[in-house]
Each structure stands twice: as C-alpha cells, then as structure tokens.
Protein backbone atom coordinates (compact mmCIF):
# COMPACT_ATOMS: atom_id res chain seq x y z
CA MET A 1 146.93 73.61 94.60
CA GLU A 2 147.44 71.81 91.60
CA ASN A 3 146.61 74.87 89.37
CA PHE A 4 149.57 77.03 91.30
CA GLU A 5 151.98 77.67 88.37
CA ARG A 6 155.26 76.21 89.60
CA ASN A 7 158.56 77.55 88.00
CA LYS A 8 162.18 77.38 89.35
CA THR A 9 161.47 80.37 91.65
CA THR A 10 158.47 79.17 93.28
CA ALA A 11 159.04 75.09 93.37
CA ASN A 12 160.58 75.70 97.06
CA ALA A 13 157.40 77.34 98.08
CA TYR A 14 155.13 74.80 96.55
CA THR A 15 157.31 71.95 97.91
CA LEU A 16 157.20 73.33 101.39
CA THR A 17 153.44 73.74 101.16
CA ARG A 18 152.90 70.40 100.45
CA ARG A 19 155.18 69.07 103.10
CA PHE A 20 153.10 71.25 105.49
CA LEU A 21 149.93 69.70 104.35
CA LYS A 22 151.39 66.36 104.92
CA ASP A 23 152.80 66.78 108.37
CA PHE A 24 149.76 68.83 109.63
CA VAL A 25 147.82 67.28 112.52
CA PRO A 26 144.65 69.03 113.52
CA GLY A 27 144.94 70.36 116.85
CA GLY A 28 148.83 69.44 117.17
CA GLU A 29 151.77 71.60 116.97
CA SER A 30 152.79 72.70 113.51
CA THR A 31 155.20 74.85 112.11
CA GLY A 32 153.57 77.43 109.83
CA LEU A 33 154.67 78.93 106.56
CA LEU A 34 155.96 82.74 105.95
CA PHE A 35 155.87 83.68 102.04
CA THR A 36 157.62 86.63 101.20
CA GLY A 37 158.30 88.28 98.02
CA SER A 38 157.07 91.01 95.44
CA VAL A 39 153.74 91.44 94.30
CA GLY A 40 151.96 88.89 91.93
CA THR A 41 154.38 85.95 93.00
CA GLY A 42 151.33 83.55 94.07
CA LYS A 43 151.99 83.98 97.86
CA THR A 44 148.27 84.58 98.73
CA HIS A 45 147.04 81.79 95.95
CA LEU A 46 149.53 79.20 97.81
CA ALA A 47 148.27 80.14 100.93
CA VAL A 48 144.59 79.94 100.62
CA ALA A 49 144.94 76.99 98.23
CA ALA A 50 146.62 75.17 101.43
CA ALA A 51 143.84 76.41 103.92
CA ARG A 52 141.14 75.23 101.34
CA ASP A 53 142.95 71.84 101.02
CA MET A 54 142.96 71.39 105.08
CA VAL A 55 139.51 72.51 105.20
CA GLU A 56 138.16 70.03 102.50
CA ARG A 57 140.32 67.26 103.22
CA LEU A 58 140.94 67.46 107.23
CA GLY A 59 137.58 69.46 108.18
CA VAL A 60 139.52 71.96 110.07
CA GLU A 61 138.54 75.30 110.92
CA ALA A 62 140.76 77.79 108.87
CA ARG A 63 140.40 81.61 108.98
CA PHE A 64 141.41 84.27 106.32
CA VAL A 65 142.55 87.42 107.62
CA ASP A 66 143.72 90.34 105.38
CA VAL A 67 145.50 92.51 107.92
CA ARG A 68 144.26 95.85 106.74
CA ALA A 69 140.53 94.79 106.69
CA LEU A 70 141.05 93.22 110.11
CA LEU A 71 142.19 96.57 111.62
CA ASP A 72 139.73 98.58 109.84
CA ARG A 73 137.12 95.98 111.28
CA LEU A 74 138.60 96.55 115.03
CA ARG A 75 138.78 100.19 114.57
CA SER A 76 135.08 100.41 113.61
CA SER A 77 134.42 98.04 116.79
CA TYR A 78 135.58 101.14 119.28
CA ALA A 79 132.35 103.26 117.88
CA ASP A 80 129.62 103.39 120.53
CA ASP A 81 127.05 102.04 117.77
CA ALA A 82 129.60 99.17 116.46
CA ALA A 83 127.82 96.09 115.07
CA GLU A 84 130.74 93.82 116.83
CA SER A 85 132.91 94.49 119.76
CA HIS A 86 136.67 93.63 119.39
CA GLU A 87 136.51 90.32 121.13
CA GLN A 88 133.79 89.29 119.10
CA ILE A 89 135.98 90.04 115.72
CA LEU A 90 139.27 88.40 117.26
CA ARG A 91 137.63 85.39 119.13
CA PRO A 92 137.11 83.19 115.79
CA ILE A 93 140.30 83.93 114.72
CA LEU A 94 142.03 82.99 117.61
CA LYS A 95 140.16 79.68 118.22
CA ALA A 96 140.64 78.65 114.61
CA ASP A 97 142.94 75.47 113.68
CA LEU A 98 144.69 77.23 111.06
CA VAL A 99 144.82 81.16 110.36
CA VAL A 100 145.75 82.77 107.02
CA ILE A 101 147.39 86.22 107.62
CA ASP A 102 147.34 88.05 104.37
CA GLU A 103 149.34 91.27 103.66
CA LEU A 104 151.14 91.41 107.08
CA GLY A 105 153.18 94.76 107.27
CA ALA A 106 150.86 96.47 104.65
CA ALA A 107 149.56 98.75 107.43
CA ARG A 108 151.53 101.49 108.31
CA PRO A 109 153.01 101.08 111.51
CA THR A 110 151.60 103.19 114.87
CA ASP A 111 151.42 102.25 118.40
CA TRP A 112 147.84 101.04 117.96
CA THR A 113 148.84 98.92 114.89
CA PHE A 114 151.71 97.40 116.88
CA GLU A 115 149.54 96.58 120.03
CA THR A 116 146.69 95.09 117.82
CA LEU A 117 149.23 93.00 115.85
CA GLU A 118 150.73 91.92 119.16
CA LEU A 119 147.33 90.67 120.18
CA LEU A 120 146.76 88.60 116.91
CA ILE A 121 150.17 87.20 116.57
CA GLY A 122 150.83 86.84 120.31
CA GLY A 123 147.32 85.25 120.92
CA LEU A 124 148.22 82.65 117.83
CA TYR A 125 151.46 82.04 119.24
CA ASN A 126 150.10 81.35 122.81
CA ARG A 127 147.41 79.09 121.46
CA LEU A 128 150.08 77.14 119.26
CA VAL A 129 147.77 78.09 116.43
CA PRO A 130 149.38 77.32 113.07
CA VAL A 131 149.37 80.23 110.66
CA ILE A 132 150.29 80.69 106.82
CA VAL A 133 151.62 84.31 106.54
CA THR A 134 152.00 86.32 103.56
CA THR A 135 154.11 89.66 103.04
CA ASN A 136 155.64 91.81 100.50
CA LEU A 137 158.40 92.88 103.01
CA PRO A 138 161.78 91.31 103.24
CA ASN A 139 161.85 88.83 106.36
CA LEU A 140 164.26 90.61 108.35
CA GLY A 141 164.36 92.36 111.83
CA PRO A 142 163.77 95.91 112.57
CA GLY A 143 166.81 98.23 111.36
CA ALA A 144 168.25 95.42 109.15
CA THR A 145 169.50 96.61 105.54
CA VAL A 146 168.21 95.04 102.81
CA ALA A 147 171.41 94.69 100.14
CA THR A 148 170.17 96.64 96.92
CA ALA A 149 172.18 97.99 94.00
CA GLY A 150 172.50 101.68 93.12
CA GLU A 151 173.22 104.74 94.65
CA TYR A 152 169.75 106.05 95.56
CA ALA A 153 168.93 102.46 96.64
CA ARG A 154 171.48 102.73 99.17
CA ALA A 155 170.44 106.03 100.41
CA ALA A 156 166.95 104.88 100.85
CA ARG A 157 166.92 101.99 103.18
CA VAL A 158 164.04 99.41 102.38
CA GLU A 159 161.50 98.81 105.11
CA THR A 160 161.55 95.09 106.73
CA LEU A 161 158.84 93.04 108.07
CA GLY A 162 160.51 93.69 111.49
CA ASP A 163 160.11 97.40 110.80
CA ARG A 164 156.37 96.94 110.47
CA ILE A 165 155.15 94.40 113.21
CA GLY A 166 158.13 95.34 115.85
CA THR A 167 160.78 92.98 117.33
CA ARG A 168 159.13 90.80 119.59
CA MET A 169 156.19 89.75 116.79
CA TRP A 170 158.92 89.31 114.24
CA SER A 171 160.76 87.05 116.53
CA ARG A 172 157.70 84.84 117.46
CA LEU A 173 157.07 84.65 113.70
CA GLN A 174 160.59 83.21 113.09
CA GLN A 175 159.64 80.37 115.76
CA MET A 176 156.22 79.93 114.33
CA CYS A 177 157.02 79.58 110.58
CA VAL A 178 159.38 78.36 107.89
CA SER A 179 160.40 81.27 105.84
CA CYS A 180 160.38 80.97 102.01
CA GLU A 181 161.01 83.93 99.65
CA MET A 182 158.92 83.66 96.34
CA VAL A 183 160.69 85.80 93.41
CA GLY A 184 159.51 86.35 90.09
CA PRO A 185 157.43 88.54 87.64
CA ASP A 186 153.80 89.80 88.75
CA TRP A 187 151.83 86.96 86.98
CA ARG A 188 148.87 89.16 87.15
CA GLY A 189 150.79 91.14 84.33
CA LYS A 190 150.74 88.34 82.06
CA ARG A 191 146.98 88.12 81.78
C-alpha cells in the first residue's frame, strides 16, 4: 500500500483503506469498501494491496475475482466435458475471509448475469464475508441519472452500477460497503 500514489483526489480512498485494515477482524463483521471512478485511478491497486496486507499480516484467506473472468469460467462449467463445476468455482470464493470483486458491472446485464451476480453477492452477504469492490460505474441505483454537462450528455443517460447488477444486489452492496469515488487522470497514461 505504501507505493500507492496519493493525491488530494485519492487521499480519502487511502484513508478509508487504512481504517478498514486497522479495524478488520478475521471472522468478524467488517464493513467492506466500494471503490468507484474512472479508468486508471488506482481502484484495483488499492484493493489488491489491502487484500495482500491482510494475507501477509493476518493470515486471512483472500480471493480476487475479476467479474468477467468469473462469468466466463462459470459459463464453461455448463459444458458436458467441463473440468470444474459451478459449485467448485464458487465454493472457495464464498468461504474466503475476504473477497476482492474487480470490475463489477463490466459485463453486460443479461438474465443469467443478474442471477449469477445474485449468487455471488447474495452468498457473500448472507455469510457476512467482507468485500472490496471496484467499478468504473457511478454508485447509483437503477435508473438514476448522473448529472453531466452538455446537450449530448443529457440525451445519453450514463449507466449506473445499479443498472448493471440490479436493485437488490446494489442495495446489499450499500449495506456491505462504504463507498468512495476515486477521481483523477489515468495513471497508466503517465508512464
């Protein structure tokens, strides 16, 4: 975490993460983190650094889940000759002490995607598993309007996290996590 480049737009996320790490009790109830913001602002970097800290310092079992990769693995588990079952894929995630869910909302919403994300988020919620979530979408419920400038922007409604994961799972995440928007330029473009 120490190599995370803090500035006035990411300092709040860093502070919240430090507090999360300080207050985390393995097996206890912990309020997770939900990092929102544009591409390249350090959301995944901070989430992985926090998980790594807990693994090394506290010996917790943490799982990293890229949503699109998870959905691909789950789709392939339905094949007759699948190497792993749906349950074999989800069981280690649902039994972890901490789960990092990266790129939530990156997959286009379909009925199957909604149901699968309900299994994931609902399962973690019911087991009180702390999560750190990253998304490029605004943390607003389904159908909410993001205030943007310009005539074209007003005509094209920006999708929200709630649009992509549904009302129930969005509501659960609000209870499971403290939300923090990370703003700023894409740090990858600086290199």
